Amino acid sequence: MPETFDPRHLGFHRQVCQEAGELESVAHGVHPDLPDSVSAVLLRFRSASWLLDVDLDDDTVQVSEPASADPELVFSDASSTGLWAPALGRPVLWAWILENQQGHTDGLQLSFALDGGAEWRVQLIAAASQWRLSGWGPPESEASGEYDQGSQRHSA
């Protein structure tokens, strides 16, 4: 199984902004024991793909090649959900690797280019062995709001 990396060591934030190109698709991985939780996120860009996992031991972000996905995970397309749809076909302008007060890398934030200079942001926070996902954009955007990571319900 391919090794996973802390995103700081992989240079993920630089690669996703400078080399990946436009976001082509997103899939959410769900573990059978946690059917209402997103355990992994698969991001496919024009020139690169990454699997974003939560380390079960310390709830930190792990980045790896898509082939390293846990075989028990069931992936479903999330590209058309309100969370990811505004980002499709757009490059990442900015990427942040988030670190908590204990020094653990427990989140990522991606800012995608929208028309007219506006941005759509997606934040992924690792907590309780799952991803907590939220997205927001310009106030006039219909898609702006917070999202429940399990059911994809919009609660603007």
C-alpha atoms as a PDB file:
ATOM      1  CA  MET A   1       0.000   0.000   0.000  1.00  0.00           C
ATOM      2  CA  PRO A   2       1.464   3.437  -0.913  1.00  0.00           C
ATOM      3  CA  GLU A   3       2.634   5.640   1.926  1.00  0.00           C
ATOM      4  CA  THR A   4       0.531   8.564   3.113  1.00  0.00           C
ATOM      5  CA  PHE A   5       2.007  11.938   3.970  1.00  0.00           C
ATOM      6  CA  ASP A   6       1.304  14.909   6.134  1.00  0.00           C
ATOM      7  CA  PRO A   7       0.306  17.511   3.496  1.00  0.00           C
ATOM      8  CA  ARG A   8       3.094  19.859   4.646  1.00  0.00           C
ATOM      9  CA  HIS A   9       5.715  17.279   3.681  1.00  0.00           C
ATOM     10  CA  LEU A  10       4.143  16.486   0.349  1.00  0.00           C
ATOM     11  CA  GLY A  11       3.956  20.145  -0.652  1.00  0.00           C
ATOM     12  CA  PHE A  12       0.272  19.555  -1.350  1.00  0.00           C
ATOM     13  CA  HIS A  13      -0.711  23.208  -1.046  1.00  0.00           C
ATOM     14  CA  ARG A  14       1.860  24.298  -3.631  1.00  0.00           C
ATOM     15  CA  GLN A  15       1.100  21.441  -6.023  1.00  0.00           C
ATOM     16  CA  VAL A  16      -2.675  21.892  -5.931  1.00  0.00           C
ATOM     17  CA  CYS A  17      -2.310  25.597  -6.784  1.00  0.00           C
ATOM     18  CA  GLN A  18       0.543  25.501  -9.273  1.00  0.00           C
ATOM     19  CA  GLU A  19       0.343  22.145 -11.049  1.00  0.00           C
ATOM     20  CA  ALA A  20      -3.061  20.480 -10.695  1.00  0.00           C
ATOM     21  CA  GLY A  21      -5.186  22.526 -13.094  1.00  0.00           C
ATOM     22  CA  GLU A  22      -8.976  22.572 -12.919  1.00  0.00           C
ATOM     23  CA  LEU A  23     -11.009  20.397 -10.568  1.00  0.00           C
ATOM     24  CA  GLU A  24     -12.648  17.631 -12.629  1.00  0.00           C
ATOM     25  CA  SER A  25     -14.435  15.503 -10.023  1.00  0.00           C
ATOM     26  CA  VAL A  26     -14.844  14.783  -6.322  1.00  0.00           C
ATOM     27  CA  ALA A  27     -15.838  11.547  -4.577  1.00  0.00           C
ATOM     28  CA  HIS A  28     -16.635  11.000  -0.921  1.00  0.00           C
ATOM     29  CA  GLY A  29     -15.590   7.730   0.707  1.00  0.00           C
ATOM     30  CA  VAL A  30     -17.812   6.246   3.393  1.00  0.00           C
ATOM     31  CA  HIS A  31     -16.844   3.388   5.702  1.00  0.00           C
ATOM     32  CA  PRO A  32     -19.595   0.768   6.246  1.00  0.00           C
ATOM     33  CA  ASP A  33     -19.276   1.193  10.035  1.00  0.00           C
ATOM     34  CA  LEU A  34     -19.803   4.974   9.740  1.00  0.00           C
ATOM     35  CA  PRO A  35     -22.470   5.337   7.014  1.00  0.00           C
ATOM     36  CA  ASP A  36     -23.305   8.964   7.870  1.00  0.00           C
ATOM     37  CA  SER A  37     -19.702  10.179   7.838  1.00  0.00           C
ATOM     38  CA  VAL A  38     -17.295  11.145   5.079  1.00  0.00           C
ATOM     39  CA  SER A  39     -14.094   9.226   5.845  1.00  0.00           C
ATOM     40  CA  ALA A  40     -12.129  10.161   2.716  1.00  0.00           C
ATOM     41  CA  VAL A  41     -12.285  12.693  -0.097  1.00  0.00           C
ATOM     42  CA  LEU A  42     -10.920  11.942  -3.552  1.00  0.00           C
ATOM     43  CA  LEU A  43     -10.038  15.067  -5.549  1.00  0.00           C
ATOM     44  CA  ARG A  44      -9.349  14.661  -9.267  1.00  0.00           C
ATOM     45  CA  PHE A  45      -7.816  17.613 -11.075  1.00  0.00           C
ATOM     46  CA  ARG A  46      -6.777  17.872 -14.725  1.00  0.00           C
ATOM     47  CA  SER A  47      -3.129  17.016 -13.940  1.00  0.00           C
ATOM     48  CA  ALA A  48      -3.191  15.331 -10.520  1.00  0.00           C
ATOM     49  CA  SER A  49      -5.344  13.419  -8.044  1.00  0.00           C
ATOM     50  CA  TRP A  50      -5.186  13.125  -4.275  1.00  0.00           C
ATOM     51  CA  LEU A  51      -6.887  11.065  -1.607  1.00  0.00           C
ATOM     52  CA  LEU A  52      -7.515  13.016   1.588  1.00  0.00           C
ATOM     53  CA  ASP A  53      -7.867  10.781   4.641  1.00  0.00           C
ATOM     54  CA  VAL A  54      -8.232  11.295   8.364  1.00  0.00           C
ATOM     55  CA  ASP A  55      -5.619   9.467  10.447  1.00  0.00           C
ATOM     56  CA  LEU A  56      -7.678   7.376  12.886  1.00  0.00           C
ATOM     57  CA  ASP A  57      -5.042   7.599  15.628  1.00  0.00           C
ATOM     58  CA  ASP A  58      -4.763  11.369  15.942  1.00  0.00           C
ATOM     59  CA  ASP A  59      -7.369  12.931  13.593  1.00  0.00           C
ATOM     60  CA  THR A  60      -4.769  14.558  11.380  1.00  0.00           C
ATOM     61  CA  VAL A  61      -4.877  15.073   7.625  1.00  0.00           C
ATOM     62  CA  GLN A  62      -3.226  12.435   5.465  1.00  0.00           C
ATOM     63  CA  VAL A  63      -2.659  12.886   1.736  1.00  0.00           C
ATOM     64  CA  SER A  64      -1.889   9.995  -0.590  1.00  0.00           C
ATOM     65  CA  GLU A  65      -2.331   8.590  -4.069  1.00  0.00           C
ATOM     66  CA  PRO A  66      -5.905   7.463  -4.883  1.00  0.00           C
ATOM     67  CA  ALA A  67      -4.731   3.834  -5.142  1.00  0.00           C
ATOM     68  CA  SER A  68      -4.050   3.834  -1.393  1.00  0.00           C
ATOM     69  CA  ALA A  69      -7.754   4.062  -0.488  1.00  0.00           C
ATOM     70  CA  ASP A  70      -9.001   1.683   2.177  1.00  0.00           C
ATOM     71  CA  PRO A  71     -10.716  -1.160   0.249  1.00  0.00           C
ATOM     72  CA  GLU A  72     -13.645  -1.057   2.698  1.00  0.00           C
ATOM     73  CA  LEU A  73     -14.558   2.493   1.707  1.00  0.00           C
ATOM     74  CA  VAL A  74     -17.490   2.966  -0.636  1.00  0.00           C
ATOM     75  CA  PHE A  75     -16.984   5.996  -2.879  1.00  0.00           C
ATOM     76  CA  SER A  76     -19.777   8.017  -4.440  1.00  0.00           C
ATOM     77  CA  ASP A  77     -19.610  10.998  -6.737  1.00  0.00           C
ATOM     78  CA  ALA A  78     -19.968  14.272  -4.820  1.00  0.00           C
ATOM     79  CA  SER A  79     -19.156  16.576  -7.734  1.00  0.00           C
ATOM     80  CA  SER A  80     -22.672  17.880  -8.190  1.00  0.00           C
ATOM     81  CA  THR A  81     -23.393  18.559  -4.503  1.00  0.00           C
ATOM     82  CA  GLY A  82     -23.786  22.167  -3.408  1.00  0.00           C
ATOM     83  CA  LEU A  83     -20.441  21.897  -1.666  1.00  0.00           C
ATOM     84  CA  TRP A  84     -18.343  20.999  -4.713  1.00  0.00           C
ATOM     85  CA  ALA A  85     -20.395  22.083  -7.755  1.00  0.00           C
ATOM     86  CA  PRO A  86     -19.218  25.728  -7.665  1.00  0.00           C
ATOM     87  CA  ALA A  87     -15.586  24.517  -7.728  1.00  0.00           C
ATOM     88  CA  LEU A  88     -15.875  22.164 -10.716  1.00  0.00           C
ATOM     89  CA  GLY A  89     -13.910  23.231 -13.759  1.00  0.00           C
ATOM     90  CA  ARG A  90     -12.004  25.815 -11.736  1.00  0.00           C
ATOM     91  CA  PRO A  91      -8.424  25.930 -10.471  1.00  0.00           C
ATOM     92  CA  VAL A  92      -7.371  26.395  -6.864  1.00  0.00           C
ATOM     93  CA  LEU A  93      -6.150  29.944  -6.269  1.00  0.00           C
ATOM     94  CA  TRP A  94      -5.131  29.470  -2.647  1.00  0.00           C
ATOM     95  CA  ALA A  95      -4.618  26.453  -0.423  1.00  0.00           C
ATOM     96  CA  TRP A  96      -4.126  26.446   3.314  1.00  0.00           C
ATOM     97  CA  ILE A  97      -2.949  23.669   5.574  1.00  0.00           C
ATOM     98  CA  LEU A  98      -4.572  24.215   8.955  1.00  0.00           C
ATOM     99  CA  GLU A  99      -2.866  23.438  12.247  1.00  0.00           C
ATOM    100  CA  ASN A 100      -4.614  23.420  15.613  1.00  0.00           C
ATOM    101  CA  GLN A 101      -3.318  24.791  18.922  1.00  0.00           C
ATOM    102  CA  GLN A 102      -1.696  21.431  19.702  1.00  0.00           C
ATOM    103  CA  GLY A 103       0.397  21.539  16.531  1.00  0.00           C
ATOM    104  CA  HIS A 104      -1.612  18.879  14.668  1.00  0.00           C
ATOM    105  CA  THR A 105      -2.400  19.315  10.981  1.00  0.00           C
ATOM    106  CA  ASP A 106      -6.149  18.806  11.141  1.00  0.00           C
ATOM    107  CA  GLY A 107      -7.584  20.699   8.205  1.00  0.00           C
ATOM    108  CA  LEU A 108      -7.321  22.041   4.692  1.00  0.00           C
ATOM    109  CA  GLN A 109      -8.958  24.983   3.006  1.00  0.00           C
ATOM    110  CA  LEU A 110      -9.133  25.419  -0.758  1.00  0.00           C
ATOM    111  CA  SER A 111     -10.180  28.595  -2.546  1.00  0.00           C
ATOM    112  CA  PHE A 112     -11.381  28.144  -6.130  1.00  0.00           C
ATOM    113  CA  ALA A 113     -11.543  30.925  -8.742  1.00  0.00           C
ATOM    114  CA  LEU A 114     -15.032  32.031  -9.699  1.00  0.00           C
ATOM    115  CA  ASP A 115     -15.985  34.462 -12.452  1.00  0.00           C
ATOM    116  CA  GLY A 116     -15.436  38.140 -11.770  1.00  0.00           C
ATOM    117  CA  GLY A 117     -12.706  37.604  -9.190  1.00  0.00           C
ATOM    118  CA  ALA A 118     -14.975  35.992  -6.601  1.00  0.00           C
ATOM    119  CA  GLU A 119     -13.881  32.828  -4.808  1.00  0.00           C
ATOM    120  CA  TRP A 120     -15.575  29.629  -3.602  1.00  0.00           C
ATOM    121  CA  ARG A 121     -13.971  28.133  -0.483  1.00  0.00           C
ATOM    122  CA  VAL A 122     -14.168  24.589   0.791  1.00  0.00           C
ATOM    123  CA  GLN A 123     -12.877  23.725   4.241  1.00  0.00           C
ATOM    124  CA  LEU A 124     -12.146  20.170   5.373  1.00  0.00           C
ATOM    125  CA  ILE A 125     -11.621  19.647   9.110  1.00  0.00           C
ATOM    126  CA  ALA A 126     -10.574  16.245  10.503  1.00  0.00           C
ATOM    127  CA  ALA A 127     -12.505  15.394  13.668  1.00  0.00           C
ATOM    128  CA  ALA A 128     -13.697  12.156  15.256  1.00  0.00           C
ATOM    129  CA  SER A 129     -12.215  10.030  12.421  1.00  0.00           C
ATOM    130  CA  GLN A 130     -14.222  11.837   9.745  1.00  0.00           C
ATOM    131  CA  TRP A 131     -14.271  14.984   7.628  1.00  0.00           C
ATOM    132  CA  ARG A 132     -16.352  17.975   8.599  1.00  0.00           C
ATOM    133  CA  LEU A 133     -16.936  19.826   5.362  1.00  0.00           C
ATOM    134  CA  SER A 134     -18.137  23.346   4.736  1.00  0.00           C
ATOM    135  CA  GLY A 135     -18.254  25.644   1.758  1.00  0.00           C
ATOM    136  CA  TRP A 136     -18.961  29.295   1.210  1.00  0.00           C
ATOM    137  CA  GLY A 137     -18.705  31.939  -1.428  1.00  0.00           C
ATOM    138  CA  PRO A 138     -19.962  35.391  -2.299  1.00  0.00           C
ATOM    139  CA  PRO A 139     -23.117  36.388  -0.365  1.00  0.00           C
ATOM    140  CA  GLU A 140     -25.148  36.494  -3.593  1.00  0.00           C
ATOM    141  CA  SER A 141     -24.224  32.871  -4.372  1.00  0.00           C
ATOM    142  CA  GLU A 142     -27.073  30.387  -3.997  1.00  0.00           C
ATOM    143  CA  ALA A 143     -24.576  27.732  -2.942  1.00  0.00           C
ATOM    144  CA  SER A 144     -23.064  29.718  -0.070  1.00  0.00           C
ATOM    145  CA  GLY A 145     -23.577  28.130   3.330  1.00  0.00           C
ATOM    146  CA  GLU A 146     -22.539  25.368   5.660  1.00  0.00           C
ATOM    147  CA  TYR A 147     -22.947  21.692   4.846  1.00  0.00           C
ATOM    148  CA  ASP A 148     -23.574  18.632   6.956  1.00  0.00           C
ATOM    149  CA  GLN A 149     -20.831  16.220   5.862  1.00  0.00           C
ATOM    150  CA  GLY A 150     -23.003  13.121   6.059  1.00  0.00           C
ATOM    151  CA  SER A 151     -26.221  14.038   4.356  1.00  0.00           C
ATOM    152  CA  GLN A 152     -24.995  16.993   2.265  1.00  0.00           C
ATOM    153  CA  ARG A 153     -27.911  19.059   3.590  1.00  0.00           C
ATOM    154  CA  HIS A 154     -27.578  22.791   3.003  1.00  0.00           C
ATOM    155  CA  SER A 155     -28.221  25.033   5.981  1.00  0.00           C
ATOM    156  CA  ALA A 156     -27.600  28.579   4.770  1.00  0.00           C
END
